[in-house]
Amino acid sequence: MYLRQVLSVAEDLLGCPVNYGEVDKAQRSLKKNGAISKTAQRDRRSGVQVLSDIVELAWRRRHSNYHRKGYIELDKVIVFAMFSSRRLSEICRITRSDTDFERQEVLIRDMKHRGQKKGNDIWCYVPDEAWKIMLSMEQ
């Protein structure tokens, strides 16, 4: 399949003539000899289920004997990241002093920008779901 795609591009871009009959013949021979086959069906969990399992594991860890005051509330950080669409580095730099509680905004310091690396501080609205999570976190 991949070889066919490469040959197709070579034909289109480079004008190289391709005899797909020969490609098909080679493919049949490879199948007969067991060199290639269809992939086996795999049992995959959905991305939502995997993410849910990760958040649940972090929540259980936070409510276990291993969690100490001042530790990162990872389950909340993960869900906050989903709803706020902020990068981890941006989330970790948010402080209470950089929060406008009246406008429901936070100051994102040094927000990533292709041309401006430092000093790109921007006030960003925090969606309701992320705002509730942020307010529930330890100070």
N, C-alpha and C. Protein backbone atom coordinates (compact mmCIF):
# COMPACT_ATOMS: atom_id res chain seq x y z
N MET A 1 0.83 -1.19 0.00
CA MET A 1 0.00 0.00 0.00
C MET A 1 0.88 1.26 0.00
N TYR A 2 1.90 1.26 0.86
CA TYR A 2 2.77 2.44 0.94
C TYR A 2 3.59 2.61 -0.33
N LEU A 3 4.07 1.50 -0.86
CA LEU A 3 4.85 1.55 -2.09
C LEU A 3 4.00 2.11 -3.23
N ARG A 4 2.73 1.71 -3.28
CA ARG A 4 1.82 2.20 -4.31
C ARG A 4 1.67 3.73 -4.19
N GLN A 5 1.60 4.24 -2.96
CA GLN A 5 1.48 5.69 -2.75
C GLN A 5 2.74 6.42 -3.21
N VAL A 6 3.90 5.85 -2.91
CA VAL A 6 5.16 6.46 -3.33
C VAL A 6 5.24 6.49 -4.86
N LEU A 7 4.88 5.39 -5.49
CA LEU A 7 4.92 5.32 -6.94
C LEU A 7 3.93 6.30 -7.57
N SER A 8 2.78 6.47 -6.93
CA SER A 8 1.79 7.41 -7.43
C SER A 8 2.32 8.84 -7.39
N VAL A 9 3.01 9.18 -6.30
CA VAL A 9 3.59 10.52 -6.20
C VAL A 9 4.70 10.69 -7.24
N ALA A 10 5.51 9.66 -7.42
CA ALA A 10 6.59 9.72 -8.42
C ALA A 10 6.00 9.92 -9.81
N GLU A 11 4.89 9.26 -10.06
CA GLU A 11 4.24 9.40 -11.36
C GLU A 11 3.71 10.82 -11.55
N ASP A 12 3.04 11.33 -10.53
CA ASP A 12 2.42 12.67 -10.62
C ASP A 12 3.45 13.80 -10.64
N LEU A 13 4.42 13.75 -9.75
CA LEU A 13 5.35 14.86 -9.62
C LEU A 13 6.55 14.79 -10.56
N LEU A 14 7.02 13.57 -10.78
CA LEU A 14 8.25 13.41 -11.57
C LEU A 14 7.98 12.94 -12.99
N GLY A 15 6.74 12.55 -13.24
CA GLY A 15 6.40 12.07 -14.59
C GLY A 15 6.96 10.70 -14.90
N CYS A 16 7.31 9.93 -13.86
CA CYS A 16 7.84 8.58 -14.07
C CYS A 16 6.70 7.64 -14.41
N PRO A 17 6.79 6.90 -15.50
CA PRO A 17 5.72 5.95 -15.82
C PRO A 17 5.74 4.79 -14.83
N VAL A 18 4.57 4.38 -14.36
CA VAL A 18 4.45 3.28 -13.39
C VAL A 18 3.53 2.23 -13.97
N ASN A 19 3.98 0.98 -13.92
CA ASN A 19 3.17 -0.14 -14.36
C ASN A 19 2.53 -0.76 -13.12
N TYR A 20 1.30 -0.35 -12.84
CA TYR A 20 0.63 -0.84 -11.63
C TYR A 20 0.30 -2.32 -11.72
N GLY A 21 0.26 -2.87 -12.93
CA GLY A 21 0.07 -4.32 -13.09
C GLY A 21 1.19 -5.09 -12.42
N GLU A 22 2.41 -4.59 -12.57
CA GLU A 22 3.57 -5.24 -11.92
C GLU A 22 3.50 -5.09 -10.41
N VAL A 23 3.02 -3.95 -9.96
CA VAL A 23 2.86 -3.72 -8.52
C VAL A 23 1.85 -4.72 -7.96
N ASP A 24 0.72 -4.88 -8.65
CA ASP A 24 -0.30 -5.83 -8.21
C ASP A 24 0.23 -7.26 -8.19
N LYS A 25 0.99 -7.61 -9.22
CA LYS A 25 1.58 -8.95 -9.31
C LYS A 25 2.53 -9.20 -8.14
N ALA A 26 3.36 -8.23 -7.83
CA ALA A 26 4.30 -8.36 -6.71
C ALA A 26 3.54 -8.47 -5.39
N GLN A 27 2.46 -7.73 -5.27
CA GLN A 27 1.66 -7.77 -4.05
C GLN A 27 1.03 -9.16 -3.86
N ARG A 28 0.51 -9.76 -4.93
CA ARG A 28 -0.08 -11.10 -4.84
C ARG A 28 0.98 -12.12 -4.43
N SER A 29 2.17 -12.00 -5.00
CA SER A 29 3.26 -12.94 -4.65
C SER A 29 3.65 -12.81 -3.19
N LEU A 30 3.73 -11.58 -2.71
CA LEU A 30 4.10 -11.36 -1.32
C LEU A 30 3.03 -11.92 -0.37
N LYS A 31 1.76 -11.78 -0.74
CA LYS A 31 0.68 -12.34 0.08
C LYS A 31 0.76 -13.87 0.12
N LYS A 32 1.00 -14.49 -1.04
CA LYS A 32 1.10 -15.96 -1.11
C LYS A 32 2.21 -16.48 -0.22
N ASN A 33 3.32 -15.77 -0.20
CA ASN A 33 4.48 -16.21 0.58
C ASN A 33 4.39 -15.79 2.05
N GLY A 34 3.32 -15.09 2.42
CA GLY A 34 3.14 -14.70 3.82
C GLY A 34 3.98 -13.51 4.25
N ALA A 35 4.58 -12.83 3.29
CA ALA A 35 5.42 -11.67 3.63
C ALA A 35 4.58 -10.47 4.05
N ILE A 36 3.37 -10.38 3.50
CA ILE A 36 2.46 -9.31 3.90
C ILE A 36 1.09 -9.91 4.18
N SER A 37 0.35 -9.27 5.06
CA SER A 37 -1.00 -9.72 5.37
C SER A 37 -1.77 -8.56 5.98
N LYS A 38 -3.06 -8.77 6.14
CA LYS A 38 -3.85 -7.74 6.79
C LYS A 38 -3.49 -7.71 8.26
N THR A 39 -3.59 -6.54 8.86
CA THR A 39 -3.28 -6.43 10.28
C THR A 39 -4.38 -7.10 11.10
N ALA A 40 -3.97 -7.68 12.21
CA ALA A 40 -4.93 -8.33 13.10
C ALA A 40 -5.79 -7.27 13.77
N GLN A 41 -7.04 -7.60 13.99
CA GLN A 41 -7.96 -6.68 14.67
C GLN A 41 -7.50 -6.50 16.11
N ARG A 42 -7.43 -5.26 16.56
CA ARG A 42 -7.01 -4.98 17.92
C ARG A 42 -8.16 -4.40 18.71
N ASP A 43 -8.15 -4.66 19.98
CA ASP A 43 -9.17 -4.12 20.87
C ASP A 43 -8.61 -2.84 21.47
N ARG A 44 -9.16 -1.72 21.05
CA ARG A 44 -8.68 -0.43 21.54
C ARG A 44 -9.75 0.27 22.34
N ARG A 45 -9.30 0.95 23.37
CA ARG A 45 -10.22 1.77 24.14
C ARG A 45 -10.26 3.14 23.49
N SER A 46 -11.37 3.81 23.64
CA SER A 46 -11.50 5.14 23.06
C SER A 46 -10.60 6.12 23.83
N GLY A 47 -10.25 7.20 23.17
CA GLY A 47 -9.44 8.23 23.81
C GLY A 47 -10.12 8.81 25.03
N VAL A 48 -11.44 8.93 24.97
CA VAL A 48 -12.19 9.46 26.11
C VAL A 48 -12.06 8.51 27.29
N GLN A 49 -12.14 7.20 27.03
CA GLN A 49 -12.03 6.22 28.12
C GLN A 49 -10.65 6.25 28.74
N VAL A 50 -9.63 6.34 27.90
CA VAL A 50 -8.25 6.39 28.40
C VAL A 50 -8.05 7.63 29.27
N LEU A 51 -8.51 8.78 28.79
CA LEU A 51 -8.39 10.02 29.56
C LEU A 51 -9.16 9.93 30.87
N SER A 52 -10.34 9.36 30.82
CA SER A 52 -11.15 9.18 32.02
C SER A 52 -10.41 8.31 33.04
N ASP A 53 -9.78 7.24 32.56
CA ASP A 53 -9.02 6.36 33.45
C ASP A 53 -7.84 7.08 34.08
N ILE A 54 -7.16 7.92 33.32
CA ILE A 54 -6.02 8.67 33.85
C ILE A 54 -6.47 9.65 34.93
N VAL A 55 -7.56 10.37 34.67
CA VAL A 55 -8.08 11.32 35.65
C VAL A 55 -8.52 10.58 36.91
N GLU A 56 -9.18 9.44 36.74
CA GLU A 56 -9.63 8.67 37.90
C GLU A 56 -8.44 8.19 38.73
N LEU A 57 -7.40 7.72 38.06
CA LEU A 57 -6.20 7.26 38.77
C LEU A 57 -5.56 8.41 39.55
N ALA A 58 -5.48 9.58 38.94
CA ALA A 58 -4.91 10.75 39.62
C ALA A 58 -5.78 11.15 40.80
N TRP A 59 -7.10 11.05 40.65
CA TRP A 59 -8.01 11.39 41.74
C TRP A 59 -7.83 10.42 42.90
N ARG A 60 -7.75 9.10 42.59
CA ARG A 60 -7.55 8.11 43.65
C ARG A 60 -6.22 8.33 44.36
N ARG A 61 -5.20 8.67 43.61
CA ARG A 61 -3.88 8.93 44.19
C ARG A 61 -3.95 10.13 45.14
N ARG A 62 -4.69 11.16 44.72
CA ARG A 62 -4.81 12.37 45.55
C ARG A 62 -5.57 12.08 46.85
N HIS A 63 -6.47 11.11 46.82
CA HIS A 63 -7.26 10.78 48.00
C HIS A 63 -6.70 9.58 48.77
N SER A 64 -5.46 9.22 48.46
CA SER A 64 -4.82 8.11 49.15
C SER A 64 -3.90 8.62 50.26
N ASN A 65 -3.28 7.71 50.96
CA ASN A 65 -2.35 8.07 52.04
C ASN A 65 -1.05 8.68 51.50
N TYR A 66 -0.80 8.54 50.21
CA TYR A 66 0.44 9.05 49.63
C TYR A 66 0.39 10.55 49.35
N HIS A 67 -0.81 11.08 49.26
CA HIS A 67 -0.95 12.51 48.92
C HIS A 67 -0.66 13.36 50.15
N ARG A 68 0.14 14.38 49.97
CA ARG A 68 0.48 15.29 51.06
C ARG A 68 0.02 16.69 50.69
N LYS A 69 -0.26 17.49 51.69
CA LYS A 69 -0.67 18.87 51.46
C LYS A 69 0.41 19.58 50.65
N GLY A 70 0.00 20.32 49.63
CA GLY A 70 0.94 21.02 48.79
C GLY A 70 1.31 20.27 47.52
N TYR A 71 0.95 18.98 47.43
CA TYR A 71 1.21 18.22 46.21
C TYR A 71 0.29 18.73 45.10
N ILE A 72 0.70 18.54 43.89
CA ILE A 72 -0.09 18.97 42.74
C ILE A 72 -1.35 18.12 42.63
N GLU A 73 -2.47 18.76 42.43
CA GLU A 73 -3.74 18.07 42.25
C GLU A 73 -3.87 17.73 40.76
N LEU A 74 -3.18 16.68 40.35
CA LEU A 74 -3.03 16.36 38.94
C LEU A 74 -4.36 16.12 38.24
N ASP A 75 -5.30 15.48 38.92
CA ASP A 75 -6.60 15.24 38.29
C ASP A 75 -7.26 16.55 37.89
N LYS A 76 -7.14 17.55 38.74
CA LYS A 76 -7.73 18.86 38.43
C LYS A 76 -6.96 19.58 37.33
N VAL A 77 -5.65 19.43 37.34
CA VAL A 77 -4.83 20.06 36.30
C VAL A 77 -5.19 19.50 34.93
N ILE A 78 -5.38 18.17 34.84
CA ILE A 78 -5.71 17.54 33.56
C ILE A 78 -7.04 18.06 33.04
N VAL A 79 -8.05 18.09 33.90
CA VAL A 79 -9.37 18.54 33.47
C VAL A 79 -9.35 20.04 33.16
N PHE A 80 -8.61 20.81 33.96
CA PHE A 80 -8.47 22.25 33.68
C PHE A 80 -7.85 22.46 32.30
N ALA A 81 -6.83 21.67 31.97
CA ALA A 81 -6.17 21.79 30.67
C ALA A 81 -7.14 21.49 29.54
N MET A 82 -7.99 20.50 29.72
CA MET A 82 -8.96 20.16 28.67
C MET A 82 -9.92 21.31 28.41
N PHE A 83 -10.45 21.90 29.47
CA PHE A 83 -11.46 22.93 29.30
C PHE A 83 -10.89 24.31 28.99
N SER A 84 -9.66 24.57 29.43
CA SER A 84 -9.08 25.90 29.22
C SER A 84 -8.29 26.00 27.93
N SER A 85 -7.89 24.87 27.36
CA SER A 85 -7.05 24.84 26.15
C SER A 85 -5.72 25.55 26.36
N ARG A 86 -5.20 25.51 27.54
CA ARG A 86 -3.90 26.11 27.86
C ARG A 86 -2.83 25.03 27.87
N ARG A 87 -1.62 25.43 27.55
CA ARG A 87 -0.47 24.54 27.61
C ARG A 87 -0.09 24.31 29.07
N LEU A 88 0.56 23.17 29.35
CA LEU A 88 0.96 22.85 30.72
C LEU A 88 1.85 23.94 31.29
N SER A 89 2.81 24.42 30.51
CA SER A 89 3.72 25.46 31.02
C SER A 89 2.94 26.74 31.36
N GLU A 90 1.90 27.04 30.60
CA GLU A 90 1.08 28.23 30.89
C GLU A 90 0.26 28.00 32.15
N ILE A 91 -0.30 26.82 32.29
CA ILE A 91 -1.12 26.51 33.46
C ILE A 91 -0.28 26.60 34.74
N CYS A 92 0.93 26.08 34.68
CA CYS A 92 1.78 26.04 35.88
C CYS A 92 2.27 27.43 36.30
N ARG A 93 2.17 28.41 35.42
CA ARG A 93 2.60 29.78 35.77
C ARG A 93 1.44 30.66 36.25
N ILE A 94 0.22 30.16 36.23
CA ILE A 94 -0.92 30.96 36.69
C ILE A 94 -0.86 31.10 38.20
N THR A 95 -0.99 32.32 38.68
CA THR A 95 -1.01 32.58 40.12
C THR A 95 -2.31 33.29 40.49
N ARG A 96 -2.63 33.27 41.77
CA ARG A 96 -3.84 33.98 42.23
C ARG A 96 -3.71 35.47 41.95
N SER A 97 -2.50 36.01 42.07
CA SER A 97 -2.32 37.45 41.82
C SER A 97 -2.48 37.80 40.34
N ASP A 98 -2.38 36.81 39.47
CA ASP A 98 -2.58 37.03 38.03
C ASP A 98 -4.00 36.66 37.61
N THR A 99 -4.93 36.67 38.55
CA THR A 99 -6.31 36.29 38.28
C THR A 99 -7.23 37.48 38.49
N ASP A 100 -8.06 37.73 37.49
CA ASP A 100 -9.08 38.77 37.60
C ASP A 100 -10.40 38.05 37.86
N PHE A 101 -10.81 38.04 39.13
CA PHE A 101 -12.00 37.29 39.54
C PHE A 101 -13.28 37.91 39.00
N GLU A 102 -13.28 39.19 38.74
CA GLU A 102 -14.49 39.85 38.24
C GLU A 102 -14.73 39.53 36.76
N ARG A 103 -13.66 39.50 35.97
CA ARG A 103 -13.79 39.24 34.53
C ARG A 103 -13.59 37.77 34.17
N GLN A 104 -13.27 36.93 35.16
CA GLN A 104 -13.03 35.50 34.96
C GLN A 104 -11.90 35.30 33.95
N GLU A 105 -10.79 36.00 34.20
CA GLU A 105 -9.62 35.93 33.32
C GLU A 105 -8.36 35.69 34.13
N VAL A 106 -7.37 35.14 33.46
CA VAL A 106 -6.05 34.97 34.05
C VAL A 106 -5.01 35.57 33.12
N LEU A 107 -3.93 36.03 33.70
CA LEU A 107 -2.83 36.57 32.92
C LEU A 107 -1.89 35.42 32.58
N ILE A 108 -1.78 35.11 31.31
CA ILE A 108 -0.85 34.07 30.86
C ILE A 108 0.46 34.76 30.51
N ARG A 109 1.46 34.50 31.32
CA ARG A 109 2.77 35.14 31.12
C ARG A 109 3.58 34.36 30.08
N ASP A 110 4.24 35.11 29.23
CA ASP A 110 5.08 34.51 28.18
C ASP A 110 4.31 33.47 27.36
N MET A 111 3.10 33.83 26.93
CA MET A 111 2.31 32.92 26.12
C MET A 111 3.06 32.63 24.82
N LYS A 112 3.04 31.38 24.41
CA LYS A 112 3.80 30.97 23.23
C LYS A 112 3.32 31.72 21.99
N HIS A 113 4.30 32.23 21.26
CA HIS A 113 4.04 32.95 20.02
C HIS A 113 5.26 32.73 19.14
N ARG A 114 5.05 32.49 17.87
CA ARG A 114 6.18 32.13 17.00
C ARG A 114 7.22 33.23 16.87
N GLY A 115 6.84 34.48 17.05
CA GLY A 115 7.81 35.55 16.87
C GLY A 115 8.24 36.23 18.16
N GLN A 116 7.45 36.08 19.21
CA GLN A 116 7.73 36.80 20.45
C GLN A 116 7.84 35.78 21.58
N LYS A 117 9.06 35.52 22.04
CA LYS A 117 9.28 34.46 23.02
C LYS A 117 9.06 34.93 24.46
N LYS A 118 9.48 36.12 24.78
CA LYS A 118 9.38 36.62 26.16
C LYS A 118 8.54 37.89 26.18
N GLY A 119 7.88 38.10 27.30
CA GLY A 119 7.12 39.32 27.47
C GLY A 119 5.78 39.33 26.76
N ASN A 120 5.34 38.17 26.29
CA ASN A 120 4.05 38.08 25.61
C ASN A 120 2.99 37.72 26.65
N ASP A 121 2.70 38.66 27.55
CA ASP A 121 1.74 38.44 28.62
C ASP A 121 0.35 38.85 28.15
N ILE A 122 -0.59 37.91 28.20
CA ILE A 122 -1.93 38.16 27.65
C ILE A 122 -2.99 37.71 28.65
N TRP A 123 -4.01 38.56 28.81
CA TRP A 123 -5.17 38.20 29.64
C TRP A 123 -6.07 37.28 28.81
N CYS A 124 -6.45 36.14 29.39
CA CYS A 124 -7.28 35.16 28.69
C CYS A 124 -8.50 34.80 29.53
N TYR A 125 -9.63 34.73 28.86
CA TYR A 125 -10.87 34.31 29.51
C TYR A 125 -10.76 32.83 29.87
N VAL A 126 -11.27 32.47 31.04
CA VAL A 126 -11.28 31.07 31.47
C VAL A 126 -12.71 30.55 31.39
N PRO A 127 -12.97 29.52 30.57
CA PRO A 127 -14.33 28.98 30.45
C PRO A 127 -14.87 28.51 31.81
N ASP A 128 -16.18 28.50 31.94
CA ASP A 128 -16.83 28.20 33.22
C ASP A 128 -16.34 26.90 33.87
N GLU A 129 -16.23 25.82 33.08
CA GLU A 129 -15.81 24.53 33.63
C GLU A 129 -14.41 24.62 34.22
N ALA A 130 -13.50 25.26 33.50
CA ALA A 130 -12.12 25.42 33.97
C ALA A 130 -12.07 26.37 35.16
N TRP A 131 -12.91 27.40 35.14
CA TRP A 131 -12.95 28.38 36.22
C TRP A 131 -13.33 27.70 37.54
N LYS A 132 -14.33 26.84 37.51
CA LYS A 132 -14.76 26.13 38.72
C LYS A 132 -13.62 25.27 39.27
N ILE A 133 -12.93 24.60 38.39
CA ILE A 133 -11.80 23.76 38.81
C ILE A 133 -10.71 24.62 39.42
N MET A 134 -10.40 25.73 38.77
CA MET A 134 -9.34 26.61 39.27
C MET A 134 -9.68 27.13 40.66
N LEU A 135 -10.91 27.51 40.88
CA LEU A 135 -11.31 28.04 42.19
C LEU A 135 -11.29 26.97 43.27
N SER A 136 -11.44 25.70 42.87
CA SER A 136 -11.46 24.61 43.86
C SER A 136 -10.06 24.18 44.29
N MET A 137 -9.04 24.66 43.59
CA MET A 137 -7.68 24.22 43.91
C MET A 137 -7.13 24.96 45.12
N GLU A 138 -6.20 24.26 45.81
CA GLU A 138 -5.57 24.86 46.99
C GLU A 138 -4.84 26.12 46.61
N GLN A 139 -4.80 27.04 47.57
CA GLN A 139 -4.10 28.31 47.31
C GLN A 139 -2.63 28.21 47.64
